[in-house]
Amino acid sequence: MYEYITGRIIEKDPTHVILENNGIGYIIHISVHTYSALQNKEDIKLYTHYYIREDTRAMYGFITEEERTTFELFINISGIGPNTARLILSSMTPGQVVQAVESEDVHAFKSVKGIGTKTAERVLIDLRDKISRIHTKLANPSTVSPATTAEQNNINEVRQALLTLGFPPAKIQHALMKIKEEQSDDTVEIMIKQALKLMS
């Protein structure tokens, strides 16, 4: 329905962005990967997927075409909805998804909240013959956009993102303490990935 949308950022957090275009504010759901790429930007372009199911309508936005393609492959797998697909893309870049599928790394997908062994195995089977769709759009599998906020701001953003995703505060605090003990200069995206693994 929509290929992409450009506009000015009115509000953003690790799960969504409000984008103004021609006087209309669009609520667009995003991954942590996309959120990290939006730091210090006011006017942006997001590739979009308009999700429609019975009484559910939502727009999802992606900083790159390969991230959108990966999302669309995930939501066509039985047992994976848009929120789970977004969680996967908050834990793994499209390039890492390609690597996990090609190496048949079931544990990479099991580390994502809400994905068990059977679903992880189904992902590998379903994507095995479709992974070329990501390959054709993938510019650099290892690219991760850096965040430029201070350490405490990063911690606060990570905490808010995890609370929004439904994790209990005590569990979040424990994970954040572990992360701070190991490193203190990671990006928001990397810290959320680490927290998701610690809480899985």
C-alpha atoms as a PDB file:
ATOM      1  CA  MET A   1       0.000   0.000   0.000  1.00  0.00           C
ATOM      2  CA  TYR A   2       2.834   2.393   0.911  1.00  0.00           C
ATOM      3  CA  GLU A   3       6.403   1.962  -0.324  1.00  0.00           C
ATOM      4  CA  TYR A   4       7.951   4.507   2.006  1.00  0.00           C
ATOM      5  CA  ILE A   5       7.150   7.659   3.940  1.00  0.00           C
ATOM      6  CA  THR A   6       9.286  10.736   4.495  1.00  0.00           C
ATOM      7  CA  GLY A   7       8.698  13.332   7.154  1.00  0.00           C
ATOM      8  CA  ARG A   8       9.781  15.071  10.321  1.00  0.00           C
ATOM      9  CA  ILE A   9      10.206  13.178  13.582  1.00  0.00           C
ATOM     10  CA  ILE A  10       7.768  14.468  16.209  1.00  0.00           C
ATOM     11  CA  GLU A  11       8.383  11.775  18.803  1.00  0.00           C
ATOM     12  CA  LYS A  12      10.403   8.587  19.004  1.00  0.00           C
ATOM     13  CA  ASP A  13      11.282   5.768  21.371  1.00  0.00           C
ATOM     14  CA  PRO A  14      12.787   2.299  20.790  1.00  0.00           C
ATOM     15  CA  THR A  15       9.402   0.852  19.729  1.00  0.00           C
ATOM     16  CA  HIS A  16       7.756   3.544  17.599  1.00  0.00           C
ATOM     17  CA  VAL A  17       8.130   6.903  15.925  1.00  0.00           C
ATOM     18  CA  ILE A  18       5.562   9.596  15.167  1.00  0.00           C
ATOM     19  CA  LEU A  19       6.334  11.042  11.746  1.00  0.00           C
ATOM     20  CA  GLU A  20       4.652  14.200  10.436  1.00  0.00           C
ATOM     21  CA  ASN A  21       3.988  14.395   6.709  1.00  0.00           C
ATOM     22  CA  ASN A  22       1.786  17.112   5.165  1.00  0.00           C
ATOM     23  CA  GLY A  23       0.201  17.935   8.504  1.00  0.00           C
ATOM     24  CA  ILE A  24      -0.609  14.307   9.349  1.00  0.00           C
ATOM     25  CA  GLY A  25       1.126  12.440  12.174  1.00  0.00           C
ATOM     26  CA  TYR A  26       1.765   8.758  11.472  1.00  0.00           C
ATOM     27  CA  ILE A  27       2.438   6.276  14.280  1.00  0.00           C
ATOM     28  CA  ILE A  28       4.997   3.856  12.880  1.00  0.00           C
ATOM     29  CA  HIS A  29       6.274   0.827  14.771  1.00  0.00           C
ATOM     30  CA  ILE A  30      10.030   0.306  14.511  1.00  0.00           C
ATOM     31  CA  SER A  31      12.794  -2.036  15.634  1.00  0.00           C
ATOM     32  CA  VAL A  32      15.683  -1.091  17.907  1.00  0.00           C
ATOM     33  CA  HIS A  33      17.939  -1.307  14.848  1.00  0.00           C
ATOM     34  CA  THR A  34      15.925   1.403  13.089  1.00  0.00           C
ATOM     35  CA  TYR A  35      15.635   3.466  16.282  1.00  0.00           C
ATOM     36  CA  SER A  36      19.412   3.493  16.658  1.00  0.00           C
ATOM     37  CA  ALA A  37      19.784   4.772  13.093  1.00  0.00           C
ATOM     38  CA  LEU A  38      17.433   7.704  13.794  1.00  0.00           C
ATOM     39  CA  GLN A  39      19.631   9.335  16.430  1.00  0.00           C
ATOM     40  CA  ASN A  40      20.340  13.034  15.775  1.00  0.00           C
ATOM     41  CA  LYS A  41      18.015  13.079  12.754  1.00  0.00           C
ATOM     42  CA  GLU A  42      14.940  15.254  12.244  1.00  0.00           C
ATOM     43  CA  ASP A  43      13.833  14.466   8.693  1.00  0.00           C
ATOM     44  CA  ILE A  44      13.857  10.810   7.711  1.00  0.00           C
ATOM     45  CA  LYS A  45      12.692   8.260   5.169  1.00  0.00           C
ATOM     46  CA  LEU A  46      11.279   4.932   6.337  1.00  0.00           C
ATOM     47  CA  TYR A  47      10.392   1.961   4.145  1.00  0.00           C
ATOM     48  CA  THR A  48       6.985   0.782   5.286  1.00  0.00           C
ATOM     49  CA  HIS A  49       4.815  -2.289   5.667  1.00  0.00           C
ATOM     50  CA  TYR A  50       1.115  -1.764   6.345  1.00  0.00           C
ATOM     51  CA  TYR A  51      -0.113  -4.730   8.390  1.00  0.00           C
ATOM     52  CA  ILE A  52      -3.823  -5.610   8.164  1.00  0.00           C
ATOM     53  CA  ARG A  53      -5.457  -8.547   9.950  1.00  0.00           C
ATOM     54  CA  GLU A  54      -9.180  -8.520  10.813  1.00  0.00           C
ATOM     55  CA  ASP A  55      -9.420  -5.743  13.432  1.00  0.00           C
ATOM     56  CA  THR A  56      -5.683  -4.982  13.478  1.00  0.00           C
ATOM     57  CA  ARG A  57      -4.117  -2.247  11.394  1.00  0.00           C
ATOM     58  CA  ALA A  58      -0.597  -1.000  12.014  1.00  0.00           C
ATOM     59  CA  MET A  59       2.245   0.550  10.071  1.00  0.00           C
ATOM     60  CA  TYR A  60       5.797  -0.724  10.514  1.00  0.00           C
ATOM     61  CA  GLY A  61       8.789   1.291   9.378  1.00  0.00           C
ATOM     62  CA  PHE A  62      12.354   0.321   8.521  1.00  0.00           C
ATOM     63  CA  ILE A  63      15.510   2.302   7.920  1.00  0.00           C
ATOM     64  CA  THR A  64      16.574  -0.021   5.069  1.00  0.00           C
ATOM     65  CA  GLU A  65      14.846  -2.127   2.425  1.00  0.00           C
ATOM     66  CA  GLU A  66      16.648  -5.256   3.616  1.00  0.00           C
ATOM     67  CA  GLU A  67      15.211  -4.853   7.108  1.00  0.00           C
ATOM     68  CA  ARG A  68      11.700  -4.574   5.660  1.00  0.00           C
ATOM     69  CA  THR A  69      12.252  -7.599   3.426  1.00  0.00           C
ATOM     70  CA  THR A  70      13.456  -9.609   6.432  1.00  0.00           C
ATOM     71  CA  PHE A  71      10.406  -8.513   8.455  1.00  0.00           C
ATOM     72  CA  GLU A  72       8.053  -9.579   5.658  1.00  0.00           C
ATOM     73  CA  LEU A  73       9.713 -12.983   5.421  1.00  0.00           C
ATOM     74  CA  PHE A  74       9.285 -13.484   9.174  1.00  0.00           C
ATOM     75  CA  ILE A  75       5.582 -12.586   9.336  1.00  0.00           C
ATOM     76  CA  ASN A  76       4.843 -15.134   6.618  1.00  0.00           C
ATOM     77  CA  ILE A  77       6.133 -17.907   8.882  1.00  0.00           C
ATOM     78  CA  SER A  78       3.473 -19.726  10.895  1.00  0.00           C
ATOM     79  CA  GLY A  79       3.601 -18.700  14.550  1.00  0.00           C
ATOM     80  CA  ILE A  80       5.419 -15.406  14.005  1.00  0.00           C
ATOM     81  CA  GLY A  81       3.445 -12.170  14.121  1.00  0.00           C
ATOM     82  CA  PRO A  82       4.658  -8.623  13.514  1.00  0.00           C
ATOM     83  CA  ASN A  83       5.628  -7.981  17.132  1.00  0.00           C
ATOM     84  CA  THR A  84       7.757 -11.132  17.295  1.00  0.00           C
ATOM     85  CA  ALA A  85       9.308 -10.253  13.936  1.00  0.00           C
ATOM     86  CA  ARG A  86      10.146  -6.809  15.303  1.00  0.00           C
ATOM     87  CA  LEU A  87      11.698  -8.396  18.408  1.00  0.00           C
ATOM     88  CA  ILE A  88      13.902 -10.560  16.196  1.00  0.00           C
ATOM     89  CA  LEU A  89      15.023  -7.500  14.249  1.00  0.00           C
ATOM     90  CA  SER A  90      15.751  -5.741  17.542  1.00  0.00           C
ATOM     91  CA  SER A  91      18.061  -8.612  18.473  1.00  0.00           C
ATOM     92  CA  MET A  92      19.627  -9.319  15.070  1.00  0.00           C
ATOM     93  CA  THR A  93      20.482  -7.279  11.984  1.00  0.00           C
ATOM     94  CA  PRO A  94      19.329  -8.597   8.582  1.00  0.00           C
ATOM     95  CA  GLY A  95      22.921  -9.663   7.950  1.00  0.00           C
ATOM     96  CA  GLN A  96      22.989 -11.653  11.175  1.00  0.00           C
ATOM     97  CA  VAL A  97      19.698 -13.300  10.200  1.00  0.00           C
ATOM     98  CA  VAL A  98      21.287 -14.373   6.919  1.00  0.00           C
ATOM     99  CA  GLN A  99      24.309 -15.765   8.751  1.00  0.00           C
ATOM    100  CA  ALA A 100      22.138 -17.632  11.276  1.00  0.00           C
ATOM    101  CA  VAL A 101      20.040 -19.244   8.544  1.00  0.00           C
ATOM    102  CA  GLU A 102      23.035 -20.182   6.418  1.00  0.00           C
ATOM    103  CA  SER A 103      24.832 -21.722   9.407  1.00  0.00           C
ATOM    104  CA  GLU A 104      21.582 -23.316  10.714  1.00  0.00           C
ATOM    105  CA  ASP A 105      22.087 -21.602  14.065  1.00  0.00           C
ATOM    106  CA  VAL A 106      18.832 -22.453  15.841  1.00  0.00           C
ATOM    107  CA  HIS A 107      20.088 -20.919  19.108  1.00  0.00           C
ATOM    108  CA  ALA A 108      20.318 -17.467  17.500  1.00  0.00           C
ATOM    109  CA  PHE A 109      16.542 -17.442  17.084  1.00  0.00           C
ATOM    110  CA  LYS A 110      15.785 -19.237  20.358  1.00  0.00           C
ATOM    111  CA  SER A 111      17.475 -16.374  22.212  1.00  0.00           C
ATOM    112  CA  VAL A 112      14.611 -14.077  21.163  1.00  0.00           C
ATOM    113  CA  LYS A 113      11.734 -13.721  23.636  1.00  0.00           C
ATOM    114  CA  GLY A 114       8.696 -15.759  22.561  1.00  0.00           C
ATOM    115  CA  ILE A 115      10.521 -18.114  20.210  1.00  0.00           C
ATOM    116  CA  GLY A 116      10.871 -21.740  21.257  1.00  0.00           C
ATOM    117  CA  THR A 117      12.756 -24.606  19.672  1.00  0.00           C
ATOM    118  CA  LYS A 118       9.996 -25.600  17.247  1.00  0.00           C
ATOM    119  CA  THR A 119       9.469 -22.066  15.992  1.00  0.00           C
ATOM    120  CA  ALA A 120      13.222 -21.495  15.658  1.00  0.00           C
ATOM    121  CA  GLU A 121      13.546 -24.681  13.620  1.00  0.00           C
ATOM    122  CA  ARG A 122      10.604 -23.608  11.456  1.00  0.00           C
ATOM    123  CA  VAL A 123      12.334 -20.287  10.800  1.00  0.00           C
ATOM    124  CA  LEU A 124      15.432 -22.072   9.519  1.00  0.00           C
ATOM    125  CA  ILE A 125      13.387 -24.366   7.287  1.00  0.00           C
ATOM    126  CA  ASP A 126      11.137 -21.633   5.886  1.00  0.00           C
ATOM    127  CA  LEU A 127      13.910 -19.114   5.247  1.00  0.00           C
ATOM    128  CA  ARG A 128      16.439 -21.531   3.796  1.00  0.00           C
ATOM    129  CA  ASP A 129      15.130 -21.111   0.247  1.00  0.00           C
ATOM    130  CA  LYS A 130      14.113 -17.465   0.642  1.00  0.00           C
ATOM    131  CA  ILE A 131      17.253 -15.970   2.114  1.00  0.00           C
ATOM    132  CA  SER A 132      18.376 -14.796  -1.337  1.00  0.00           C
ATOM    133  CA  ARG A 133      15.703 -12.066  -1.119  1.00  0.00           C
ATOM    134  CA  ILE A 134      17.666 -10.490   1.718  1.00  0.00           C
ATOM    135  CA  HIS A 135      20.980 -11.098  -0.046  1.00  0.00           C
ATOM    136  CA  THR A 136      19.859  -9.091  -3.077  1.00  0.00           C
ATOM    137  CA  LYS A 137      19.188  -6.006  -0.949  1.00  0.00           C
ATOM    138  CA  LEU A 138      21.879  -6.436   1.674  1.00  0.00           C
ATOM    139  CA  ALA A 139      24.608  -3.835   1.320  1.00  0.00           C
ATOM    140  CA  ASN A 140      26.653  -4.634   4.410  1.00  0.00           C
ATOM    141  CA  PRO A 141      25.545  -7.469   6.745  1.00  0.00           C
ATOM    142  CA  SER A 142      27.735  -6.301   9.595  1.00  0.00           C
ATOM    143  CA  THR A 143      26.614  -2.674   9.720  1.00  0.00           C
ATOM    144  CA  VAL A 144      25.159  -1.534  13.034  1.00  0.00           C
ATOM    145  CA  SER A 145      24.294   2.138  13.390  1.00  0.00           C
ATOM    146  CA  PRO A 146      25.971   3.716  16.435  1.00  0.00           C
ATOM    147  CA  ALA A 147      24.102   5.600  19.113  1.00  0.00           C
ATOM    148  CA  THR A 148      25.640   8.841  20.303  1.00  0.00           C
ATOM    149  CA  THR A 149      23.944   9.410  23.674  1.00  0.00           C
ATOM    150  CA  ALA A 150      25.760   9.424  27.007  1.00  0.00           C
ATOM    151  CA  GLU A 151      25.990   6.215  29.053  1.00  0.00           C
ATOM    152  CA  GLN A 152      23.195   7.019  31.495  1.00  0.00           C
ATOM    153  CA  ASN A 153      20.868   8.138  28.726  1.00  0.00           C
ATOM    154  CA  ASN A 154      21.599   4.840  26.989  1.00  0.00           C
ATOM    155  CA  ILE A 155      20.737   2.919  30.156  1.00  0.00           C
ATOM    156  CA  ASN A 156      17.478   4.833  30.537  1.00  0.00           C
ATOM    157  CA  GLU A 157      16.523   4.230  26.909  1.00  0.00           C
ATOM    158  CA  VAL A 158      17.290   0.525  27.221  1.00  0.00           C
ATOM    159  CA  ARG A 159      15.214   0.276  30.400  1.00  0.00           C
ATOM    160  CA  GLN A 160      12.258   2.059  28.781  1.00  0.00           C
ATOM    161  CA  ALA A 161      12.439  -0.158  25.695  1.00  0.00           C
ATOM    162  CA  LEU A 162      12.456  -3.338  27.786  1.00  0.00           C
ATOM    163  CA  LEU A 163       9.567  -2.097  29.932  1.00  0.00           C
ATOM    164  CA  THR A 164       7.602  -1.365  26.764  1.00  0.00           C
ATOM    165  CA  LEU A 165       8.311  -4.888  25.540  1.00  0.00           C
ATOM    166  CA  GLY A 166       6.748  -6.272  28.731  1.00  0.00           C
ATOM    167  CA  PHE A 167       9.709  -7.395  30.832  1.00  0.00           C
ATOM    168  CA  PRO A 168       9.410  -7.036  34.642  1.00  0.00           C
ATOM    169  CA  PRO A 169      11.417  -4.154  36.199  1.00  0.00           C
ATOM    170  CA  ALA A 170      13.398  -6.410  38.562  1.00  0.00           C
ATOM    171  CA  LYS A 171      14.530  -8.632  35.702  1.00  0.00           C
ATOM    172  CA  ILE A 172      15.469  -5.589  33.632  1.00  0.00           C
ATOM    173  CA  GLN A 173      17.512  -4.099  36.467  1.00  0.00           C
ATOM    174  CA  HIS A 174      19.406  -7.361  36.945  1.00  0.00           C
ATOM    175  CA  ALA A 175      20.241  -7.508  33.232  1.00  0.00           C
ATOM    176  CA  LEU A 176      21.350  -3.859  33.154  1.00  0.00           C
ATOM    177  CA  MET A 177      23.651  -4.392  36.119  1.00  0.00           C
ATOM    178  CA  LYS A 178      25.265  -7.327  34.337  1.00  0.00           C
ATOM    179  CA  ILE A 179      25.751  -5.260  31.190  1.00  0.00           C
ATOM    180  CA  LYS A 180      27.274  -2.327  33.097  1.00  0.00           C
ATOM    181  CA  GLU A 181      29.733  -4.694  34.784  1.00  0.00           C
ATOM    182  CA  GLU A 182      30.973  -5.919  31.405  1.00  0.00           C
ATOM    183  CA  GLN A 183      31.069  -2.742  29.290  1.00  0.00           C
ATOM    184  CA  SER A 184      29.923   0.854  29.588  1.00  0.00           C
ATOM    185  CA  ASP A 185      30.335   2.266  26.074  1.00  0.00           C
ATOM    186  CA  ASP A 186      28.012   0.124  23.954  1.00  0.00           C
ATOM    187  CA  THR A 187      25.227   1.556  21.797  1.00  0.00           C
ATOM    188  CA  VAL A 188      21.576   1.367  22.848  1.00  0.00           C
ATOM    189  CA  GLU A 189      20.976  -1.265  20.181  1.00  0.00           C
ATOM    190  CA  ILE A 190      23.780  -3.534  21.384  1.00  0.00           C
ATOM    191  CA  MET A 191      22.780  -3.114  25.024  1.00  0.00           C
ATOM    192  CA  ILE A 192      19.185  -4.116  24.270  1.00  0.00           C
ATOM    193  CA  LYS A 193      20.407  -7.170  22.371  1.00  0.00           C
ATOM    194  CA  GLN A 194      22.577  -8.127  25.345  1.00  0.00           C
ATOM    195  CA  ALA A 195      19.672  -7.621  27.764  1.00  0.00           C
ATOM    196  CA  LEU A 196      17.321  -9.712  25.628  1.00  0.00           C
ATOM    197  CA  LYS A 197      19.835 -12.564  25.656  1.00  0.00           C
ATOM    198  CA  LEU A 198      20.355 -12.289  29.413  1.00  0.00           C
ATOM    199  CA  MET A 199      16.604 -12.409  30.058  1.00  0.00           C
ATOM    200  CA  SER A 200      15.772 -15.192  27.596  1.00  0.00           C
END
